[in-house]
Amino acid sequence: MTNTKRSDKSEKAVIGWREWVALPDLGISWIKAKVDTGARTSSLHAFEPEVFRRKGEEWVRFEVHPEQRSGKNAVIAEQPIVEWRHVKPSSGKAERRPVILTTVELLDLRREVEVTLTRRDEMGFRMLLGRQATRGFFIVDPGRSYAGGRRPRPSKKKKKRKKARQ
């Protein structure tokens, strides 16, 4: 993991137990993530992962639905697989997951982090931000949410139609 942008190296930013993050390498401008200091590696809810070879390297193509309980704004991404890792999730049953490297943006910080890809259908968040992504850069305040602000929402105001005059 590398730090690519940081305003003041002496102070750590405070984040909440859930935050909106961006994954620019994957074309995702926002996704809600649960900050989990009990998890070593970050995890992303990936639909239909397909492993393939490109120039002798193993890659994975997958779909991400950034909006919870919705297939709207689905993003299809491709990334090289860094390694395969056995992960024991909260369900207790270990599973083998592909690991990718991708940039995560939170507050004014951009970091390249390891992310495992898995199905998180039964989880409340599409992404889990593990301690490797936060260590050394953030202090997690479990009493706060969205310290980095909320994502911009599209306006729900409907345009008034002008009645045609006859």
N, C-alpha and C. Protein backbone atom coordinates (compact mmCIF):
# COMPACT_ATOMS: atom_id res chain seq x y z
N MET A 1 0.84 -1.18 0.00
CA MET A 1 0.00 0.00 0.00
C MET A 1 0.88 1.23 0.00
N THR A 2 0.47 2.18 -0.77
CA THR A 2 1.24 3.40 -0.83
C THR A 2 0.34 4.60 -0.64
N ASN A 3 0.88 5.62 -0.05
CA ASN A 3 0.15 6.86 0.14
C ASN A 3 0.46 7.75 -1.05
N THR A 4 -0.57 8.21 -1.75
CA THR A 4 -0.33 9.06 -2.90
C THR A 4 -0.72 10.51 -2.67
N LYS A 5 -1.50 10.78 -1.62
CA LYS A 5 -1.87 12.16 -1.32
C LYS A 5 -2.14 12.29 0.16
N ARG A 6 -1.48 13.24 0.79
CA ARG A 6 -1.70 13.44 2.21
C ARG A 6 -1.31 14.87 2.55
N SER A 7 -2.20 15.57 3.23
CA SER A 7 -1.94 16.97 3.49
C SER A 7 -0.99 17.20 4.67
N ASP A 8 -1.15 16.47 5.75
CA ASP A 8 -0.32 16.66 6.93
C ASP A 8 0.03 15.29 7.50
N LYS A 9 1.29 14.89 7.39
CA LYS A 9 1.70 13.56 7.81
C LYS A 9 1.71 13.37 9.32
N SER A 10 1.64 14.45 10.08
CA SER A 10 1.71 14.31 11.53
C SER A 10 0.36 14.03 12.16
N GLU A 11 -0.73 14.35 11.49
CA GLU A 11 -2.05 14.14 12.06
C GLU A 11 -2.83 13.10 11.28
N LYS A 12 -3.55 12.28 12.04
CA LYS A 12 -4.41 11.28 11.43
C LYS A 12 -5.83 11.82 11.40
N ALA A 13 -6.50 11.60 10.29
CA ALA A 13 -7.88 12.03 10.16
C ALA A 13 -8.80 11.08 10.91
N VAL A 14 -9.89 11.60 11.43
CA VAL A 14 -10.88 10.78 12.12
C VAL A 14 -11.98 10.39 11.14
N ILE A 15 -12.26 9.09 11.09
CA ILE A 15 -13.34 8.60 10.25
C ILE A 15 -14.33 7.83 11.12
N GLY A 16 -15.51 7.62 10.59
CA GLY A 16 -16.54 6.91 11.33
C GLY A 16 -16.56 5.43 11.01
N TRP A 17 -17.51 4.72 11.59
CA TRP A 17 -17.62 3.27 11.39
C TRP A 17 -18.16 2.93 10.00
N ARG A 18 -18.72 3.92 9.31
CA ARG A 18 -19.12 3.75 7.91
C ARG A 18 -18.80 5.04 7.18
N GLU A 19 -18.35 4.87 5.94
CA GLU A 19 -17.92 6.02 5.14
C GLU A 19 -18.25 5.79 3.67
N TRP A 20 -18.38 6.89 2.93
CA TRP A 20 -18.48 6.82 1.47
C TRP A 20 -17.07 6.90 0.92
N VAL A 21 -16.69 5.96 0.09
CA VAL A 21 -15.36 5.95 -0.52
C VAL A 21 -15.50 5.88 -2.03
N ALA A 22 -14.45 6.24 -2.73
CA ALA A 22 -14.40 6.13 -4.19
C ALA A 22 -13.35 5.09 -4.55
N LEU A 23 -13.58 4.39 -5.66
CA LEU A 23 -12.63 3.42 -6.20
C LEU A 23 -12.37 3.83 -7.66
N PRO A 24 -11.55 4.87 -7.85
CA PRO A 24 -11.39 5.44 -9.19
C PRO A 24 -10.81 4.48 -10.23
N ASP A 25 -9.94 3.55 -9.82
CA ASP A 25 -9.38 2.59 -10.77
C ASP A 25 -10.46 1.69 -11.35
N LEU A 26 -11.55 1.52 -10.61
CA LEU A 26 -12.64 0.64 -11.03
C LEU A 26 -13.78 1.43 -11.66
N GLY A 27 -13.66 2.76 -11.69
CA GLY A 27 -14.72 3.59 -12.26
C GLY A 27 -15.89 3.79 -11.31
N ILE A 28 -15.64 3.70 -10.01
CA ILE A 28 -16.70 3.84 -9.01
C ILE A 28 -16.46 5.14 -8.25
N SER A 29 -17.38 6.10 -8.42
CA SER A 29 -17.19 7.40 -7.79
C SER A 29 -17.63 7.42 -6.34
N TRP A 30 -18.44 6.45 -5.92
CA TRP A 30 -18.84 6.34 -4.52
C TRP A 30 -19.40 4.95 -4.25
N ILE A 31 -19.13 4.46 -3.06
CA ILE A 31 -19.69 3.21 -2.57
C ILE A 31 -19.63 3.28 -1.05
N LYS A 32 -20.68 2.80 -0.40
CA LYS A 32 -20.72 2.85 1.06
C LYS A 32 -19.90 1.69 1.61
N ALA A 33 -18.98 2.02 2.52
CA ALA A 33 -18.10 1.00 3.10
C ALA A 33 -18.23 0.98 4.61
N LYS A 34 -18.20 -0.21 5.16
CA LYS A 34 -18.14 -0.38 6.61
C LYS A 34 -16.67 -0.44 6.98
N VAL A 35 -16.26 0.37 7.92
CA VAL A 35 -14.88 0.37 8.39
C VAL A 35 -14.78 -0.71 9.46
N ASP A 36 -13.93 -1.70 9.22
CA ASP A 36 -13.86 -2.87 10.11
C ASP A 36 -12.42 -3.11 10.52
N THR A 37 -12.07 -2.66 11.73
CA THR A 37 -10.70 -2.84 12.21
C THR A 37 -10.41 -4.29 12.59
N GLY A 38 -11.45 -5.11 12.64
CA GLY A 38 -11.25 -6.53 12.92
C GLY A 38 -10.88 -7.33 11.69
N ALA A 39 -11.10 -6.75 10.52
CA ALA A 39 -10.76 -7.42 9.26
C ALA A 39 -9.41 -6.92 8.78
N ARG A 40 -8.52 -7.80 8.43
CA ARG A 40 -7.19 -7.41 7.95
C ARG A 40 -7.27 -6.75 6.59
N THR A 41 -7.95 -7.40 5.66
CA THR A 41 -8.00 -6.95 4.26
C THR A 41 -9.37 -6.41 3.93
N SER A 42 -9.41 -5.45 3.04
CA SER A 42 -10.68 -4.91 2.55
C SER A 42 -11.34 -5.93 1.63
N SER A 43 -12.64 -5.80 1.48
CA SER A 43 -13.41 -6.74 0.67
C SER A 43 -14.46 -5.99 -0.12
N LEU A 44 -14.70 -6.42 -1.35
CA LEU A 44 -15.67 -5.78 -2.24
C LEU A 44 -16.65 -6.81 -2.75
N HIS A 45 -17.92 -6.44 -2.77
CA HIS A 45 -18.99 -7.30 -3.26
C HIS A 45 -18.90 -7.33 -4.79
N ALA A 46 -18.51 -8.47 -5.34
CA ALA A 46 -18.31 -8.61 -6.78
C ALA A 46 -19.29 -9.64 -7.34
N PHE A 47 -20.02 -9.24 -8.38
CA PHE A 47 -20.96 -10.12 -9.05
C PHE A 47 -20.29 -10.76 -10.26
N GLU A 48 -20.63 -11.99 -10.51
CA GLU A 48 -20.20 -12.71 -11.71
C GLU A 48 -18.69 -12.61 -11.98
N PRO A 49 -17.85 -12.91 -10.99
CA PRO A 49 -16.40 -12.84 -11.27
C PRO A 49 -16.00 -13.89 -12.30
N GLU A 50 -15.19 -13.47 -13.25
CA GLU A 50 -14.72 -14.35 -14.32
C GLU A 50 -13.20 -14.22 -14.40
N VAL A 51 -12.51 -15.30 -14.14
CA VAL A 51 -11.04 -15.31 -14.19
C VAL A 51 -10.62 -15.64 -15.62
N PHE A 52 -9.64 -14.87 -16.13
CA PHE A 52 -9.12 -15.11 -17.47
C PHE A 52 -7.64 -14.76 -17.51
N ARG A 53 -6.99 -15.10 -18.61
CA ARG A 53 -5.55 -14.81 -18.75
C ARG A 53 -5.36 -13.70 -19.78
N ARG A 54 -4.44 -12.80 -19.45
CA ARG A 54 -4.07 -11.71 -20.37
C ARG A 54 -2.56 -11.59 -20.32
N LYS A 55 -1.94 -11.83 -21.47
CA LYS A 55 -0.47 -11.76 -21.59
C LYS A 55 0.21 -12.61 -20.50
N GLY A 56 -0.33 -13.79 -20.28
CA GLY A 56 0.28 -14.73 -19.33
C GLY A 56 -0.06 -14.49 -17.87
N GLU A 57 -0.80 -13.42 -17.58
CA GLU A 57 -1.16 -13.11 -16.20
C GLU A 57 -2.63 -13.44 -15.96
N GLU A 58 -2.93 -13.77 -14.69
CA GLU A 58 -4.31 -14.04 -14.30
C GLU A 58 -5.02 -12.72 -13.98
N TRP A 59 -6.17 -12.51 -14.60
CA TRP A 59 -7.00 -11.32 -14.39
C TRP A 59 -8.39 -11.77 -13.95
N VAL A 60 -9.15 -10.82 -13.44
CA VAL A 60 -10.54 -11.09 -13.10
C VAL A 60 -11.42 -9.95 -13.63
N ARG A 61 -12.53 -10.34 -14.23
CA ARG A 61 -13.55 -9.39 -14.69
C ARG A 61 -14.75 -9.59 -13.76
N PHE A 62 -15.32 -8.51 -13.26
CA PHE A 62 -16.41 -8.61 -12.30
C PHE A 62 -17.31 -7.40 -12.40
N GLU A 63 -18.48 -7.52 -11.82
CA GLU A 63 -19.45 -6.44 -11.83
C GLU A 63 -19.66 -5.97 -10.39
N VAL A 64 -19.77 -4.65 -10.22
CA VAL A 64 -20.02 -4.06 -8.92
C VAL A 64 -21.30 -3.24 -9.02
N HIS A 65 -22.17 -3.40 -8.04
CA HIS A 65 -23.38 -2.59 -7.92
C HIS A 65 -23.17 -1.66 -6.73
N PRO A 66 -22.73 -0.42 -6.98
CA PRO A 66 -22.41 0.47 -5.86
C PRO A 66 -23.60 0.79 -4.96
N GLU A 67 -24.80 0.78 -5.52
CA GLU A 67 -25.98 1.10 -4.71
C GLU A 67 -26.49 -0.15 -4.02
N GLN A 68 -26.68 -0.05 -2.72
CA GLN A 68 -27.19 -1.17 -1.93
C GLN A 68 -28.57 -1.58 -2.42
N ARG A 69 -28.83 -2.87 -2.52
CA ARG A 69 -30.11 -3.42 -2.94
C ARG A 69 -30.57 -2.90 -4.29
N SER A 70 -29.63 -2.67 -5.20
CA SER A 70 -29.97 -2.16 -6.52
C SER A 70 -28.91 -2.55 -7.54
N GLY A 71 -29.36 -2.83 -8.74
CA GLY A 71 -28.44 -3.10 -9.83
C GLY A 71 -28.18 -1.87 -10.68
N LYS A 72 -28.77 -0.72 -10.27
CA LYS A 72 -28.55 0.53 -11.00
C LYS A 72 -27.08 0.92 -10.96
N ASN A 73 -26.65 1.59 -11.99
CA ASN A 73 -25.28 2.11 -12.05
C ASN A 73 -24.23 1.02 -11.90
N ALA A 74 -24.53 -0.17 -12.39
CA ALA A 74 -23.57 -1.28 -12.31
C ALA A 74 -22.30 -0.91 -13.08
N VAL A 75 -21.18 -1.35 -12.56
CA VAL A 75 -19.87 -1.09 -13.17
C VAL A 75 -19.20 -2.43 -13.43
N ILE A 76 -18.68 -2.60 -14.65
CA ILE A 76 -17.91 -3.80 -14.97
C ILE A 76 -16.44 -3.40 -14.95
N ALA A 77 -15.64 -4.14 -14.19
CA ALA A 77 -14.23 -3.81 -14.03
C ALA A 77 -13.37 -5.02 -14.32
N GLU A 78 -12.12 -4.76 -14.69
CA GLU A 78 -11.11 -5.80 -14.90
C GLU A 78 -9.85 -5.38 -14.18
N GLN A 79 -9.26 -6.31 -13.44
CA GLN A 79 -8.03 -6.04 -12.70
C GLN A 79 -7.17 -7.29 -12.70
N PRO A 80 -5.84 -7.13 -12.67
CA PRO A 80 -4.98 -8.30 -12.51
C PRO A 80 -5.13 -8.87 -11.10
N ILE A 81 -5.06 -10.17 -10.99
CA ILE A 81 -5.10 -10.83 -9.68
C ILE A 81 -3.69 -10.83 -9.11
N VAL A 82 -3.54 -10.29 -7.92
CA VAL A 82 -2.24 -10.22 -7.24
C VAL A 82 -1.91 -11.57 -6.64
N GLU A 83 -2.92 -12.20 -6.03
CA GLU A 83 -2.77 -13.52 -5.42
C GLU A 83 -4.14 -14.05 -5.09
N TRP A 84 -4.17 -15.30 -4.65
CA TRP A 84 -5.39 -15.91 -4.12
C TRP A 84 -5.17 -16.07 -2.63
N ARG A 85 -6.21 -15.78 -1.84
CA ARG A 85 -6.05 -15.84 -0.40
C ARG A 85 -7.24 -16.58 0.23
N HIS A 86 -6.93 -17.39 1.24
CA HIS A 86 -7.99 -18.04 2.02
C HIS A 86 -8.40 -17.07 3.11
N VAL A 87 -9.69 -16.75 3.12
CA VAL A 87 -10.24 -15.78 4.07
C VAL A 87 -11.34 -16.46 4.87
N LYS A 88 -11.32 -16.21 6.17
CA LYS A 88 -12.38 -16.76 7.03
C LYS A 88 -13.30 -15.61 7.41
N PRO A 89 -14.43 -15.48 6.71
CA PRO A 89 -15.35 -14.38 7.01
C PRO A 89 -16.14 -14.64 8.29
N SER A 90 -17.02 -13.71 8.64
CA SER A 90 -17.79 -13.84 9.88
C SER A 90 -18.69 -15.08 9.88
N SER A 91 -18.99 -15.61 8.69
CA SER A 91 -19.80 -16.83 8.62
C SER A 91 -19.04 -18.04 9.17
N GLY A 92 -17.70 -17.93 9.23
CA GLY A 92 -16.88 -18.99 9.79
C GLY A 92 -16.32 -19.97 8.78
N LYS A 93 -16.86 -20.02 7.57
CA LYS A 93 -16.40 -20.96 6.56
C LYS A 93 -15.36 -20.28 5.65
N ALA A 94 -14.13 -20.79 5.70
CA ALA A 94 -13.05 -20.19 4.90
C ALA A 94 -13.35 -20.34 3.42
N GLU A 95 -12.98 -19.29 2.66
CA GLU A 95 -13.16 -19.34 1.22
C GLU A 95 -11.92 -18.78 0.52
N ARG A 96 -11.68 -19.25 -0.68
CA ARG A 96 -10.55 -18.79 -1.48
C ARG A 96 -11.02 -17.63 -2.34
N ARG A 97 -10.35 -16.47 -2.20
CA ARG A 97 -10.77 -15.26 -2.91
C ARG A 97 -9.62 -14.68 -3.72
N PRO A 98 -9.95 -14.09 -4.88
CA PRO A 98 -8.92 -13.35 -5.62
C PRO A 98 -8.66 -12.02 -4.91
N VAL A 99 -7.40 -11.59 -4.95
CA VAL A 99 -6.99 -10.32 -4.36
C VAL A 99 -6.54 -9.41 -5.49
N ILE A 100 -7.05 -8.18 -5.49
CA ILE A 100 -6.63 -7.17 -6.47
C ILE A 100 -6.05 -5.98 -5.71
N LEU A 101 -5.31 -5.14 -6.41
CA LEU A 101 -4.85 -3.86 -5.87
C LEU A 101 -5.66 -2.77 -6.55
N THR A 102 -6.18 -1.84 -5.77
CA THR A 102 -6.92 -0.73 -6.35
C THR A 102 -6.79 0.49 -5.45
N THR A 103 -7.02 1.65 -6.01
CA THR A 103 -6.95 2.90 -5.26
C THR A 103 -8.27 3.14 -4.55
N VAL A 104 -8.17 3.51 -3.27
CA VAL A 104 -9.33 3.90 -2.48
C VAL A 104 -9.14 5.36 -2.10
N GLU A 105 -10.19 6.16 -2.30
CA GLU A 105 -10.17 7.57 -1.90
C GLU A 105 -11.12 7.77 -0.73
N LEU A 106 -10.60 8.38 0.32
CA LEU A 106 -11.40 8.71 1.49
C LEU A 106 -10.85 10.00 2.07
N LEU A 107 -11.72 10.97 2.29
CA LEU A 107 -11.33 12.31 2.69
C LEU A 107 -10.36 12.85 1.64
N ASP A 108 -9.20 13.32 2.03
CA ASP A 108 -8.24 13.83 1.03
C ASP A 108 -7.11 12.84 0.77
N LEU A 109 -7.35 11.58 1.07
CA LEU A 109 -6.31 10.56 0.96
C LEU A 109 -6.61 9.56 -0.14
N ARG A 110 -5.60 9.26 -0.91
CA ARG A 110 -5.69 8.21 -1.94
C ARG A 110 -4.65 7.16 -1.58
N ARG A 111 -5.11 5.91 -1.47
CA ARG A 111 -4.20 4.81 -1.13
C ARG A 111 -4.45 3.64 -2.04
N GLU A 112 -3.39 2.95 -2.39
CA GLU A 112 -3.53 1.69 -3.10
C GLU A 112 -3.64 0.60 -2.05
N VAL A 113 -4.72 -0.17 -2.11
CA VAL A 113 -4.96 -1.19 -1.08
C VAL A 113 -5.28 -2.53 -1.72
N GLU A 114 -5.05 -3.58 -0.95
CA GLU A 114 -5.46 -4.92 -1.36
C GLU A 114 -6.94 -5.08 -1.06
N VAL A 115 -7.66 -5.66 -2.01
CA VAL A 115 -9.09 -5.89 -1.85
C VAL A 115 -9.40 -7.30 -2.32
N THR A 116 -10.10 -8.07 -1.48
CA THR A 116 -10.56 -9.38 -1.92
C THR A 116 -11.93 -9.22 -2.55
N LEU A 117 -12.22 -10.07 -3.52
CA LEU A 117 -13.51 -10.04 -4.20
C LEU A 117 -14.34 -11.22 -3.74
N THR A 118 -15.58 -10.96 -3.36
CA THR A 118 -16.47 -12.02 -2.88
C THR A 118 -17.91 -11.59 -3.03
N ARG A 119 -18.82 -12.51 -2.81
CA ARG A 119 -20.24 -12.17 -2.77
C ARG A 119 -20.56 -11.76 -1.34
N ARG A 120 -21.15 -10.58 -1.18
CA ARG A 120 -21.53 -10.07 0.14
C ARG A 120 -23.04 -9.87 0.19
N ASP A 121 -23.78 -10.77 -0.44
CA ASP A 121 -25.24 -10.64 -0.52
C ASP A 121 -25.90 -10.47 0.84
N GLU A 122 -25.43 -11.19 1.82
CA GLU A 122 -26.07 -11.17 3.13
C GLU A 122 -25.50 -10.10 4.05
N MET A 123 -24.56 -9.34 3.56
CA MET A 123 -23.94 -8.30 4.37
C MET A 123 -24.63 -6.96 4.10
N GLY A 124 -24.57 -6.07 5.07
CA GLY A 124 -25.23 -4.78 4.95
C GLY A 124 -24.49 -3.75 4.11
N PHE A 125 -23.26 -4.05 3.73
CA PHE A 125 -22.45 -3.08 2.98
C PHE A 125 -21.81 -3.76 1.78
N ARG A 126 -21.71 -3.04 0.68
CA ARG A 126 -21.07 -3.58 -0.53
C ARG A 126 -19.56 -3.65 -0.38
N MET A 127 -19.01 -2.90 0.55
CA MET A 127 -17.57 -2.91 0.75
C MET A 127 -17.24 -2.91 2.23
N LEU A 128 -16.17 -3.59 2.56
CA LEU A 128 -15.63 -3.60 3.91
C LEU A 128 -14.23 -3.00 3.80
N LEU A 129 -13.95 -1.98 4.58
CA LEU A 129 -12.64 -1.34 4.58
C LEU A 129 -11.86 -1.87 5.77
N GLY A 130 -10.88 -2.73 5.50
CA GLY A 130 -10.11 -3.40 6.55
C GLY A 130 -9.02 -2.52 7.15
N ARG A 131 -8.39 -3.05 8.18
CA ARG A 131 -7.41 -2.25 8.93
C ARG A 131 -6.15 -1.94 8.14
N GLN A 132 -5.78 -2.77 7.16
CA GLN A 132 -4.60 -2.43 6.36
C GLN A 132 -4.82 -1.14 5.56
N ALA A 133 -6.06 -0.88 5.18
CA ALA A 133 -6.36 0.33 4.41
C ALA A 133 -6.39 1.58 5.27
N THR A 134 -6.61 1.40 6.57
CA THR A 134 -6.75 2.55 7.46
C THR A 134 -5.55 2.76 8.38
N ARG A 135 -4.79 1.71 8.62
CA ARG A 135 -3.68 1.76 9.58
C ARG A 135 -2.69 2.87 9.24
N GLY A 136 -2.37 3.67 10.24
CA GLY A 136 -1.36 4.71 10.08
C GLY A 136 -1.88 6.00 9.48
N PHE A 137 -3.12 6.02 9.02
CA PHE A 137 -3.65 7.21 8.35
C PHE A 137 -4.93 7.73 8.96
N PHE A 138 -5.69 6.84 9.61
CA PHE A 138 -6.97 7.24 10.16
C PHE A 138 -7.12 6.76 11.59
N ILE A 139 -7.93 7.47 12.35
CA ILE A 139 -8.41 7.03 13.65
C ILE A 139 -9.89 6.78 13.45
N VAL A 140 -10.35 5.60 13.87
CA VAL A 140 -11.75 5.24 13.69
C VAL A 140 -12.52 5.57 14.96
N ASP A 141 -13.52 6.43 14.82
CA ASP A 141 -14.41 6.77 15.92
C ASP A 141 -15.71 6.00 15.69
N PRO A 142 -15.97 4.95 16.48
CA PRO A 142 -17.16 4.13 16.26
C PRO A 142 -18.47 4.86 16.52
N GLY A 143 -18.41 6.04 17.11
CA GLY A 143 -19.61 6.83 17.35
C GLY A 143 -19.96 7.77 16.21
N ARG A 144 -19.12 7.78 15.17
CA ARG A 144 -19.36 8.68 14.03
C ARG A 144 -19.71 7.90 12.78
N SER A 145 -20.41 8.56 11.89
CA SER A 145 -20.71 8.02 10.57
C SER A 145 -20.47 9.11 9.53
N TYR A 146 -19.93 8.72 8.42
CA TYR A 146 -19.75 9.62 7.27
C TYR A 146 -18.99 10.90 7.63
N ALA A 147 -17.86 10.75 8.29
CA ALA A 147 -17.03 11.90 8.64
C ALA A 147 -16.56 12.62 7.38
N GLY A 148 -16.44 11.89 6.29
CA GLY A 148 -16.03 12.48 5.02
C GLY A 148 -17.18 13.09 4.26
N GLY A 149 -18.37 13.08 4.83
CA GLY A 149 -19.55 13.64 4.18
C GLY A 149 -20.36 12.56 3.47
N ARG A 150 -21.53 12.95 3.07
CA ARG A 150 -22.41 12.03 2.35
C ARG A 150 -22.20 12.21 0.86
N ARG A 151 -22.53 11.17 0.13
CA ARG A 151 -22.39 11.24 -1.33
C ARG A 151 -23.44 12.18 -1.89
N PRO A 152 -23.14 12.83 -3.01
CA PRO A 152 -24.15 13.69 -3.62
C PRO A 152 -25.29 12.85 -4.17
N ARG A 153 -26.49 13.26 -3.90
CA ARG A 153 -27.67 12.53 -4.39
C ARG A 153 -28.29 13.32 -5.54
N PRO A 154 -28.79 12.59 -6.53
CA PRO A 154 -29.46 13.29 -7.62
C PRO A 154 -30.73 13.96 -7.10
N SER A 155 -31.05 15.08 -7.68
CA SER A 155 -32.24 15.81 -7.28
C SER A 155 -33.49 15.00 -7.61
N LYS A 156 -34.41 14.94 -6.66
CA LYS A 156 -35.65 14.20 -6.89
C LYS A 156 -36.79 15.12 -7.28
N LYS A 157 -36.48 16.41 -7.43
CA LYS A 157 -37.52 17.35 -7.82
C LYS A 157 -37.90 17.10 -9.27
N LYS A 158 -39.17 17.01 -9.50
CA LYS A 158 -39.65 16.82 -10.87
C LYS A 158 -39.88 18.18 -11.50
N LYS A 159 -39.53 18.27 -12.74
CA LYS A 159 -39.76 19.51 -13.46
C LYS A 159 -41.25 19.66 -13.69
N LYS A 160 -41.73 20.86 -13.46
CA LYS A 160 -43.13 21.11 -13.71
C LYS A 160 -43.35 21.23 -15.20
N ARG A 161 -44.36 20.54 -15.66
CA ARG A 161 -44.68 20.62 -17.08
C ARG A 161 -45.57 21.85 -17.32
N LYS A 162 -45.25 22.51 -18.36
CA LYS A 162 -46.10 23.64 -18.73
C LYS A 162 -47.30 23.11 -19.47
N LYS A 163 -48.44 23.57 -19.05
CA LYS A 163 -49.66 23.15 -19.73
C LYS A 163 -49.75 23.84 -21.08
N ALA A 164 -50.08 23.06 -22.05
CA ALA A 164 -50.21 23.62 -23.39
C ALA A 164 -51.47 24.47 -23.44
N ARG A 165 -51.31 25.64 -23.93
CA ARG A 165 -52.48 26.55 -24.05
C ARG A 165 -53.18 26.25 -25.35
N GLN A 166 -54.45 26.22 -25.24
CA GLN A 166 -55.22 25.93 -26.45
C GLN A 166 -55.93 27.14 -26.95
